[in-house]
Amino acid sequence: MEPGAFVVRTSAEGNDPDSVRAQYTQAWAMFKDAARYREDELVALFADIARSPAGRMDEQTHARLFDERFGDPESYHRAMLRRR
């Protein structure tokens, strides 16, 4: 799954256990990396989300907020892999 598409995902796609497990693993890896290496940006992203209007956030807004704090998702993903 492309990192850009993954950033806006709010639930796992499909019902295949292996696919869901892979998506969960990717989500956990990105969150753990952000918490360890980009804590200030992660806290700021959560604050941005908390200030957003109540209800479901559309994909474009979610992607824009991520981009503002972390930059391009693909670039972030490549940097994350280099840290491993």
PDB file of N, CA and C in Angstrom:
ATOM      1  N   MET A   1       0.838  -1.171   0.000  1.00  0.00           N
ATOM      2  CA  MET A   1       0.000   0.000   0.000  1.00  0.00           C
ATOM      3  C   MET A   1       0.887   1.239   0.000  1.00  0.00           C
ATOM      4  N   GLU A   2       0.541   2.201  -0.815  1.00  0.00           N
ATOM      5  CA  GLU A   2       1.313   3.435  -0.891  1.00  0.00           C
ATOM      6  C   GLU A   2       1.154   4.244   0.390  1.00  0.00           C
ATOM      7  N   PRO A   3       2.236   4.814   0.903  1.00  0.00           N
ATOM      8  CA  PRO A   3       2.152   5.593   2.142  1.00  0.00           C
ATOM      9  C   PRO A   3       1.133   6.724   2.074  1.00  0.00           C
ATOM     10  N   GLY A   4       1.021   7.406   0.935  1.00  0.00           N
ATOM     11  CA  GLY A   4       0.059   8.501   0.816  1.00  0.00           C
ATOM     12  C   GLY A   4      -1.371   8.028   1.019  1.00  0.00           C
ATOM     13  N   ALA A   5      -1.700   6.876   0.450  1.00  0.00           N
ATOM     14  CA  ALA A   5      -3.040   6.312   0.621  1.00  0.00           C
ATOM     15  C   ALA A   5      -3.232   5.829   2.051  1.00  0.00           C
ATOM     16  N   PHE A   6      -2.171   5.333   2.630  1.00  0.00           N
ATOM     17  CA  PHE A   6      -2.258   4.793   3.987  1.00  0.00           C
ATOM     18  C   PHE A   6      -2.527   5.877   5.022  1.00  0.00           C
ATOM     19  N   VAL A   7      -1.957   7.055   4.824  1.00  0.00           N
ATOM     20  CA  VAL A   7      -2.085   8.140   5.806  1.00  0.00           C
ATOM     21  C   VAL A   7      -3.534   8.521   6.040  1.00  0.00           C
ATOM     22  N   VAL A   8      -4.367   8.448   5.020  1.00  0.00           N
ATOM     23  CA  VAL A   8      -5.762   8.862   5.168  1.00  0.00           C
ATOM     24  C   VAL A   8      -6.694   7.711   5.529  1.00  0.00           C
ATOM     25  N   ARG A   9      -6.171   6.522   5.668  1.00  0.00           N
ATOM     26  CA  ARG A   9      -6.981   5.348   5.980  1.00  0.00           C
ATOM     27  C   ARG A   9      -7.521   5.442   7.404  1.00  0.00           C
ATOM     28  N   THR A  10      -8.812   5.169   7.560  1.00  0.00           N
ATOM     29  CA  THR A  10      -9.410   5.181   8.894  1.00  0.00           C
ATOM     30  C   THR A  10      -9.855   3.790   9.331  1.00  0.00           C
ATOM     31  N   SER A  11      -9.750   2.813   8.437  1.00  0.00           N
ATOM     32  CA  SER A  11     -10.065   1.434   8.804  1.00  0.00           C
ATOM     33  C   SER A  11      -9.333   0.511   7.826  1.00  0.00           C
ATOM     34  N   ALA A  12      -9.188  -0.729   8.219  1.00  0.00           N
ATOM     35  CA  ALA A  12      -8.491  -1.701   7.376  1.00  0.00           C
ATOM     36  C   ALA A  12      -9.356  -2.038   6.166  1.00  0.00           C
ATOM     37  N   GLU A  13      -8.709  -2.229   5.038  1.00  0.00           N
ATOM     38  CA  GLU A  13      -9.417  -2.640   3.830  1.00  0.00           C
ATOM     39  C   GLU A  13      -9.531  -4.150   3.795  1.00  0.00           C
ATOM     40  N   GLY A  14     -10.688  -4.633   3.423  1.00  0.00           N
ATOM     41  CA  GLY A  14     -10.877  -6.061   3.228  1.00  0.00           C
ATOM     42  C   GLY A  14     -11.048  -6.827   4.518  1.00  0.00           C
ATOM     43  N   ASN A  15     -11.318  -8.097   4.363  1.00  0.00           N
ATOM     44  CA  ASN A  15     -11.531  -8.978   5.507  1.00  0.00           C
ATOM     45  C   ASN A  15     -10.469 -10.061   5.630  1.00  0.00           C
ATOM     46  N   ASP A  16      -9.534 -10.077   4.706  1.00  0.00           N
ATOM     47  CA  ASP A  16      -8.482 -11.082   4.737  1.00  0.00           C
ATOM     48  C   ASP A  16      -7.578 -10.829   5.948  1.00  0.00           C
ATOM     49  N   PRO A  17      -7.465 -11.788   6.856  1.00  0.00           N
ATOM     50  CA  PRO A  17      -6.668 -11.570   8.066  1.00  0.00           C
ATOM     51  C   PRO A  17      -5.219 -11.153   7.794  1.00  0.00           C
ATOM     52  N   ASP A  18      -4.589 -11.722   6.778  1.00  0.00           N
ATOM     53  CA  ASP A  18      -3.201 -11.355   6.478  1.00  0.00           C
ATOM     54  C   ASP A  18      -3.101  -9.900   6.018  1.00  0.00           C
ATOM     55  N   SER A  19      -4.052  -9.463   5.219  1.00  0.00           N
ATOM     56  CA  SER A  19      -4.066  -8.081   4.745  1.00  0.00           C
ATOM     57  C   SER A  19      -4.308  -7.113   5.901  1.00  0.00           C
ATOM     58  N   VAL A  20      -5.255  -7.433   6.737  1.00  0.00           N
ATOM     59  CA  VAL A  20      -5.553  -6.575   7.892  1.00  0.00           C
ATOM     60  C   VAL A  20      -4.345  -6.515   8.826  1.00  0.00           C
ATOM     61  N   ARG A  21      -3.702  -7.646   9.056  1.00  0.00           N
ATOM     62  CA  ARG A  21      -2.507  -7.698   9.907  1.00  0.00           C
ATOM     63  C   ARG A  21      -1.389  -6.832   9.330  1.00  0.00           C
ATOM     64  N   ALA A  22      -1.197  -6.899   8.015  1.00  0.00           N
ATOM     65  CA  ALA A  22      -0.165  -6.094   7.367  1.00  0.00           C
ATOM     66  C   ALA A  22      -0.466  -4.599   7.502  1.00  0.00           C
ATOM     67  N   GLN A  23      -1.728  -4.231   7.359  1.00  0.00           N
ATOM     68  CA  GLN A  23      -2.111  -2.824   7.501  1.00  0.00           C
ATOM     69  C   GLN A  23      -1.909  -2.344   8.933  1.00  0.00           C
ATOM     70  N   TYR A  24      -2.279  -3.168   9.900  1.00  0.00           N
ATOM     71  CA  TYR A  24      -2.081  -2.820  11.305  1.00  0.00           C
ATOM     72  C   TYR A  24      -0.585  -2.655  11.596  1.00  0.00           C
ATOM     73  N   THR A  25       0.226  -3.563  11.066  1.00  0.00           N
ATOM     74  CA  THR A  25       1.671  -3.504  11.279  1.00  0.00           C
ATOM     75  C   THR A  25       2.250  -2.214  10.713  1.00  0.00           C
ATOM     76  N   GLN A  26       1.810  -1.832   9.523  1.00  0.00           N
ATOM     77  CA  GLN A  26       2.297  -0.602   8.916  1.00  0.00           C
ATOM     78  C   GLN A  26       1.859   0.618   9.743  1.00  0.00           C
ATOM     79  N   ALA A  27       0.619   0.613  10.194  1.00  0.00           N
ATOM     80  CA  ALA A  27       0.129   1.730  11.012  1.00  0.00           C
ATOM     81  C   ALA A  27       0.943   1.838  12.299  1.00  0.00           C
ATOM     82  N   TRP A  28       1.179   0.717  12.941  1.00  0.00           N
ATOM     83  CA  TRP A  28       1.939   0.717  14.189  1.00  0.00           C
ATOM     84  C   TRP A  28       3.372   1.202  13.954  1.00  0.00           C
ATOM     85  N   ALA A  29       3.993   0.750  12.876  1.00  0.00           N
ATOM     86  CA  ALA A  29       5.363   1.164  12.577  1.00  0.00           C
ATOM     87  C   ALA A  29       5.451   2.669  12.352  1.00  0.00           C
ATOM     88  N   MET A  30       4.492   3.226  11.610  1.00  0.00           N
ATOM     89  CA  MET A  30       4.508   4.674  11.360  1.00  0.00           C
ATOM     90  C   MET A  30       4.270   5.454  12.657  1.00  0.00           C
ATOM     91  N   PHE A  31       3.326   4.992  13.466  1.00  0.00           N
ATOM     92  CA  PHE A  31       3.045   5.688  14.723  1.00  0.00           C
ATOM     93  C   PHE A  31       4.250   5.614  15.655  1.00  0.00           C
ATOM     94  N   LYS A  32       4.835   4.440  15.789  1.00  0.00           N
ATOM     95  CA  LYS A  32       5.992   4.270  16.670  1.00  0.00           C
ATOM     96  C   LYS A  32       7.162   5.129  16.208  1.00  0.00           C
ATOM     97  N   ASP A  33       7.392   5.176  14.896  1.00  0.00           N
ATOM     98  CA  ASP A  33       8.469   5.999  14.353  1.00  0.00           C
ATOM     99  C   ASP A  33       8.209   7.480  14.653  1.00  0.00           C
ATOM    100  N   ALA A  34       6.980   7.925  14.416  1.00  0.00           N
ATOM    101  CA  ALA A  34       6.641   9.325  14.670  1.00  0.00           C
ATOM    102  C   ALA A  34       6.785   9.651  16.157  1.00  0.00           C
ATOM    103  N   ALA A  35       6.340   8.758  17.019  1.00  0.00           N
ATOM    104  CA  ALA A  35       6.444   9.000  18.464  1.00  0.00           C
ATOM    105  C   ALA A  35       7.901   9.052  18.922  1.00  0.00           C
ATOM    106  N   ARG A  36       8.747   8.261  18.299  1.00  0.00           N
ATOM    107  CA  ARG A  36      10.150   8.209  18.701  1.00  0.00           C
ATOM    108  C   ARG A  36      10.988   9.334  18.095  1.00  0.00           C
ATOM    109  N   TYR A  37      10.784   9.599  16.803  1.00  0.00           N
ATOM    110  CA  TYR A  37      11.680  10.518  16.099  1.00  0.00           C
ATOM    111  C   TYR A  37      11.052  11.868  15.736  1.00  0.00           C
ATOM    112  N   ARG A  38       9.733  11.954  15.775  1.00  0.00           N
ATOM    113  CA  ARG A  38       9.062  13.189  15.359  1.00  0.00           C
ATOM    114  C   ARG A  38       7.947  13.530  16.343  1.00  0.00           C
ATOM    115  N   GLU A  39       8.263  13.426  17.624  1.00  0.00           N
ATOM    116  CA  GLU A  39       7.250  13.605  18.663  1.00  0.00           C
ATOM    117  C   GLU A  39       6.552  14.962  18.584  1.00  0.00           C
ATOM    118  N   ASP A  40       7.307  16.031  18.373  1.00  0.00           N
ATOM    119  CA  ASP A  40       6.698  17.361  18.321  1.00  0.00           C
ATOM    120  C   ASP A  40       5.673  17.456  17.190  1.00  0.00           C
ATOM    121  N   GLU A  41       6.016  16.897  16.025  1.00  0.00           N
ATOM    122  CA  GLU A  41       5.093  16.929  14.896  1.00  0.00           C
ATOM    123  C   GLU A  41       3.862  16.075  15.157  1.00  0.00           C
ATOM    124  N   LEU A  42       4.043  14.931  15.821  1.00  0.00           N
ATOM    125  CA  LEU A  42       2.914  14.063  16.136  1.00  0.00           C
ATOM    126  C   LEU A  42       1.960  14.743  17.112  1.00  0.00           C
ATOM    127  N   VAL A  43       2.508  15.371  18.132  1.00  0.00           N
ATOM    128  CA  VAL A  43       1.679  16.097  19.096  1.00  0.00           C
ATOM    129  C   VAL A  43       0.928  17.230  18.394  1.00  0.00           C
ATOM    130  N   ALA A  44       1.620  17.939  17.504  1.00  0.00           N
ATOM    131  CA  ALA A  44       0.984  19.028  16.760  1.00  0.00           C
ATOM    132  C   ALA A  44      -0.124  18.499  15.849  1.00  0.00           C
ATOM    133  N   LEU A  45       0.102  17.345  15.215  1.00  0.00           N
ATOM    134  CA  LEU A  45      -0.930  16.749  14.362  1.00  0.00           C
ATOM    135  C   LEU A  45      -2.163  16.402  15.192  1.00  0.00           C
ATOM    136  N   PHE A  46      -1.965  15.798  16.350  1.00  0.00           N
ATOM    137  CA  PHE A  46      -3.101  15.478  17.217  1.00  0.00           C
ATOM    138  C   PHE A  46      -3.840  16.748  17.638  1.00  0.00           C
ATOM    139  N   ALA A  47      -3.102  17.819  17.921  1.00  0.00           N
ATOM    140  CA  ALA A  47      -3.737  19.095  18.288  1.00  0.00           C
ATOM    141  C   ALA A  47      -4.542  19.642  17.108  1.00  0.00           C
ATOM    142  N   ASP A  48      -3.987  19.547  15.901  1.00  0.00           N
ATOM    143  CA  ASP A  48      -4.719  19.985  14.706  1.00  0.00           C
ATOM    144  C   ASP A  48      -6.025  19.212  14.562  1.00  0.00           C
ATOM    145  N   ILE A  49      -5.952  17.909  14.747  1.00  0.00           N
ATOM    146  CA  ILE A  49      -7.142  17.066  14.622  1.00  0.00           C
ATOM    147  C   ILE A  49      -8.150  17.422  15.711  1.00  0.00           C
ATOM    148  N   ALA A  50      -7.670  17.650  16.919  1.00  0.00           N
ATOM    149  CA  ALA A  50      -8.564  17.998  18.027  1.00  0.00           C
ATOM    150  C   ALA A  50      -9.280  19.325  17.778  1.00  0.00           C
ATOM    151  N   ARG A  51      -8.625  20.253  17.082  1.00  0.00           N
ATOM    152  CA  ARG A  51      -9.237  21.548  16.784  1.00  0.00           C
ATOM    153  C   ARG A  51     -10.189  21.499  15.589  1.00  0.00           C
ATOM    154  N   SER A  52     -10.180  20.402  14.869  1.00  0.00           N
ATOM    155  CA  SER A  52     -11.043  20.269  13.692  1.00  0.00           C
ATOM    156  C   SER A  52     -12.498  20.106  14.116  1.00  0.00           C
ATOM    157  N   PRO A  53     -13.424  20.453  13.218  1.00  0.00           N
ATOM    158  CA  PRO A  53     -14.849  20.275  13.545  1.00  0.00           C
ATOM    159  C   PRO A  53     -15.162  18.817  13.886  1.00  0.00           C
ATOM    160  N   ALA A  54     -16.133  18.646  14.754  1.00  0.00           N
ATOM    161  CA  ALA A  54     -16.546  17.299  15.153  1.00  0.00           C
ATOM    162  C   ALA A  54     -17.068  16.546  13.942  1.00  0.00           C
ATOM    163  N   GLY A  55     -16.949  15.234  13.986  1.00  0.00           N
ATOM    164  CA  GLY A  55     -17.436  14.391  12.901  1.00  0.00           C
ATOM    165  C   GLY A  55     -16.288  13.783  12.124  1.00  0.00           C
ATOM    166  N   ARG A  56     -16.646  13.035  11.135  1.00  0.00           N
ATOM    167  CA  ARG A  56     -15.650  12.335  10.315  1.00  0.00           C
ATOM    168  C   ARG A  56     -14.864  13.329   9.463  1.00  0.00           C
ATOM    169  N   MET A  57     -13.544  13.218   9.489  1.00  0.00           N
ATOM    170  CA  MET A  57     -12.674  14.096   8.711  1.00  0.00           C
ATOM    171  C   MET A  57     -12.521  13.522   7.309  1.00  0.00           C
ATOM    172  N   ASP A  58     -12.663  14.371   6.298  1.00  0.00           N
ATOM    173  CA  ASP A  58     -12.514  13.881   4.936  1.00  0.00           C
ATOM    174  C   ASP A  58     -11.034  13.607   4.639  1.00  0.00           C
ATOM    175  N   GLU A  59     -10.797  12.784   3.628  1.00  0.00           N
ATOM    176  CA  GLU A  59      -9.437  12.348   3.306  1.00  0.00           C
ATOM    177  C   GLU A  59      -8.522  13.503   2.931  1.00  0.00           C
ATOM    178  N   GLN A  60      -9.050  14.485   2.225  1.00  0.00           N
ATOM    179  CA  GLN A  60      -8.221  15.612   1.801  1.00  0.00           C
ATOM    180  C   GLN A  60      -7.725  16.419   3.000  1.00  0.00           C
ATOM    181  N   THR A  61      -8.595  16.640   3.978  1.00  0.00           N
ATOM    182  CA  THR A  61      -8.196  17.385   5.176  1.00  0.00           C
ATOM    183  C   THR A  61      -7.171  16.597   5.978  1.00  0.00           C
ATOM    184  N   HIS A  62      -7.420  15.303   6.132  1.00  0.00           N
ATOM    185  CA  HIS A  62      -6.498  14.455   6.875  1.00  0.00           C
ATOM    186  C   HIS A  62      -5.121  14.464   6.213  1.00  0.00           C
ATOM    187  N   ALA A  63      -5.099  14.323   4.890  1.00  0.00           N
ATOM    188  CA  ALA A  63      -3.832  14.333   4.149  1.00  0.00           C
ATOM    189  C   ALA A  63      -3.129  15.686   4.285  1.00  0.00           C
ATOM    190  N   ARG A  64      -3.885  16.774   4.194  1.00  0.00           N
ATOM    191  CA  ARG A  64      -3.291  18.109   4.309  1.00  0.00           C
ATOM    192  C   ARG A  64      -2.672  18.313   5.684  1.00  0.00           C
ATOM    193  N   LEU A  65      -3.373  17.897   6.737  1.00  0.00           N
ATOM    194  CA  LEU A  65      -2.833  18.050   8.096  1.00  0.00           C
ATOM    195  C   LEU A  65      -1.551  17.238   8.260  1.00  0.00           C
ATOM    196  N   PHE A  66      -1.537  16.017   7.738  1.00  0.00           N
ATOM    197  CA  PHE A  66      -0.323  15.197   7.810  1.00  0.00           C
ATOM    198  C   PHE A  66       0.816  15.879   7.068  1.00  0.00           C
ATOM    199  N   ASP A  67       0.531  16.330   5.845  1.00  0.00           N
ATOM    200  CA  ASP A  67       1.559  16.992   5.034  1.00  0.00           C
ATOM    201  C   ASP A  67       2.131  18.217   5.743  1.00  0.00           C
ATOM    202  N   GLU A  68       1.277  18.996   6.398  1.00  0.00           N
ATOM    203  CA  GLU A  68       1.734  20.202   7.085  1.00  0.00           C
ATOM    204  C   GLU A  68       2.704  19.879   8.218  1.00  0.00           C
ATOM    205  N   ARG A  69       2.524  18.745   8.852  1.00  0.00           N
ATOM    206  CA  ARG A  69       3.369  18.392  10.004  1.00  0.00           C
ATOM    207  C   ARG A  69       4.548  17.495   9.636  1.00  0.00           C
ATOM    208  N   PHE A  70       4.345  16.591   8.687  1.00  0.00           N
ATOM    209  CA  PHE A  70       5.372  15.588   8.380  1.00  0.00           C
ATOM    210  C   PHE A  70       5.923  15.690   6.969  1.00  0.00           C
ATOM    211  N   GLY A  71       5.306  16.478   6.125  1.00  0.00           N
ATOM    212  CA  GLY A  71       5.718  16.541   4.731  1.00  0.00           C
ATOM    213  C   GLY A  71       5.075  15.430   3.928  1.00  0.00           C
ATOM    214  N   ASP A  72       5.553  15.250   2.747  1.00  0.00           N
ATOM    215  CA  ASP A  72       5.039  14.251   1.823  1.00  0.00           C
ATOM    216  C   ASP A  72       5.105  12.850   2.446  1.00  0.00           C
ATOM    217  N   PRO A  73       3.983  12.094   2.448  1.00  0.00           N
ATOM    218  CA  PRO A  73       3.990  10.765   3.068  1.00  0.00           C
ATOM    219  C   PRO A  73       5.029   9.809   2.489  1.00  0.00           C
ATOM    220  N   GLU A  74       5.255   9.858   1.177  1.00  0.00           N
ATOM    221  CA  GLU A  74       6.237   8.958   0.581  1.00  0.00           C
ATOM    222  C   GLU A  74       7.651   9.287   1.083  1.00  0.00           C
ATOM    223  N   SER A  75       7.961  10.579   1.196  1.00  0.00           N
ATOM    224  CA  SER A  75       9.267  10.991   1.719  1.00  0.00           C
ATOM    225  C   SER A  75       9.419  10.573   3.175  1.00  0.00           C
ATOM    226  N   TYR A  76       8.345  10.751   3.944  1.00  0.00           N
ATOM    227  CA  TYR A  76       8.383  10.334   5.344  1.00  0.00           C
ATOM    228  C   TYR A  76       8.633   8.824   5.434  1.00  0.00           C
ATOM    229  N   HIS A  77       7.932   8.068   4.610  1.00  0.00           N
ATOM    230  CA  HIS A  77       8.069   6.611   4.625  1.00  0.00           C
ATOM    231  C   HIS A  77       9.502   6.199   4.285  1.00  0.00           C
ATOM    232  N   ARG A  78      10.104   6.834   3.270  1.00  0.00           N
ATOM    233  CA  ARG A  78      11.491   6.513   2.904  1.00  0.00           C
ATOM    234  C   ARG A  78      12.447   6.833   4.059  1.00  0.00           C
ATOM    235  N   ALA A  79      12.235   7.980   4.711  1.00  0.00           N
ATOM    236  CA  ALA A  79      13.081   8.352   5.852  1.00  0.00           C
ATOM    237  C   ALA A  79      12.906   7.346   6.996  1.00  0.00           C
ATOM    238  N   MET A  80      11.675   6.913   7.208  1.00  0.00           N
ATOM    239  CA  MET A  80      11.402   5.938   8.262  1.00  0.00           C
ATOM    240  C   MET A  80      12.153   4.645   7.979  1.00  0.00           C
ATOM    241  N   LEU A  81      12.134   4.196   6.733  1.00  0.00           N
ATOM    242  CA  LEU A  81      12.829   2.956   6.388  1.00  0.00           C
ATOM    243  C   LEU A  81      14.342   3.080   6.547  1.00  0.00           C
ATOM    244  N   ARG A  82      14.884   4.259   6.267  1.00  0.00           N
ATOM    245  CA  ARG A  82      16.325   4.463   6.442  1.00  0.00           C
ATOM    246  C   ARG A  82      16.719   4.393   7.920  1.00  0.00           C
ATOM    247  N   ARG A  83      15.821   4.747   8.820  1.00  0.00           N
ATOM    248  CA  ARG A  83      16.120   4.700  10.251  1.00  0.00           C
ATOM    249  C   ARG A  83      16.108   3.273  10.790  1.00  0.00           C
ATOM    250  N   ARG A  84      15.585   2.346  10.052  1.00  0.00           N
ATOM    251  CA  ARG A  84      15.477   0.957  10.526  1.00  0.00           C
ATOM    252  C   ARG A  84      16.795   0.247  10.403  1.00  0.00           C
TER     253      ARG A  84
END
